[in-house]
Amino acid sequence: MKRLYADLVLLLVAFIWGITFPVIKIALENISPFAFNAIRFSIAAFLFIPFLKLTKKDFSTGFKIGILVFLGYTFQTAGLHYTTATNAGFITSIYVVFTPVIAFIFYRIKVTRMELFSVFLAFTGLYFLSEFNGQFSFGDFLIFLCAIAFAGEIAMISHYSRINDPLSLAFGQVVAVAVFSAPLSFVYTEKINITGGVVIAIFITAVFATTFARIAQNYMQKYTKPSDAAVIFSMEGVFSHIFAVIMLGETLTTTQYFGAVLIVLGVILISLQNEIFEKIRLRSTLIG
């Protein structure tokens, strides 16, 4: 029963991650990316405080990793301005596939054949998602950079989490995104209209996609199997598309659906490996 309960909670986490893509895209009609992230992560930082047993070392390490997290969310939020929520969801999910490549570059961790095959599947899926022309929109390119940044985050956490508390690392990263986004929001913000859509997006992303999802993931995954979580988390891109269809009327062609399936397959295959799954488990700020 604990495993079933844990799987359901993790499915809820993937559900929350997926819905954030169309929700944020709608909010960006009335608020600029830096302002949105500054507000979102400032709220999330305060919500983390009751759950922390923080040390200076944990915080400083998390803050350092938070530079990559800041870049990831900046690219993702800005990218949603220029691409569909569906594409953003599927392209973001390939951070899982890029993780072993970045880990090799940073720490010389050996890349397995399965990991290389997963990278091949992901790039093939991206090619089909572009409908054979290999040309992506500016927004797709920003989301691609987001995936690389998140992969770097996971590689760093897999290195530092052996000596640091994961939840404390998460708090340092959340604070970093808020701190770096706040001053830039004054420089690059073109609009801040606090509409109902903006309030809903901030509430969902700050309370659920960042704070609740991180704490739930950190607690529940010890009660389930890596294979369960791998398949469940691969649903993030699927949920993003479902809600993009419902909320924004987005559609994919048959070719693009095939590309999306290849991306999800690549994510599942690489996540089923315990080594990579452990890196993903320790991811301390949640994509959404």
Foldseek 3Di string as FASTA:
>chain_A
DLQVVLLVLLLVLLLLLQLLLVLLLVLCVFWPQLVLLLLLLVLLLVVLVVVDPADPVLLVLLLVLLVLVLLLSSLLSVLSPKDFLLLLQLLLLCLLLCQVVLLCVVPVDDDDPLSVVLVVLLVVLVCLLVVNPPDDIPSSVSSNSSSPSLSNSLSSCLVPVVPHPLSSSLSSNSVNNNVVSVVVCVVPMPGHDPDPSSVVSSCSCRVPNFNVSQVSLLPSVVSHDLLSSQLSNLCSSVSNVVSSCVPVVDDGDPSSVVSSVSSSVSSSSSSNDPVSVVSVSSRNGGND
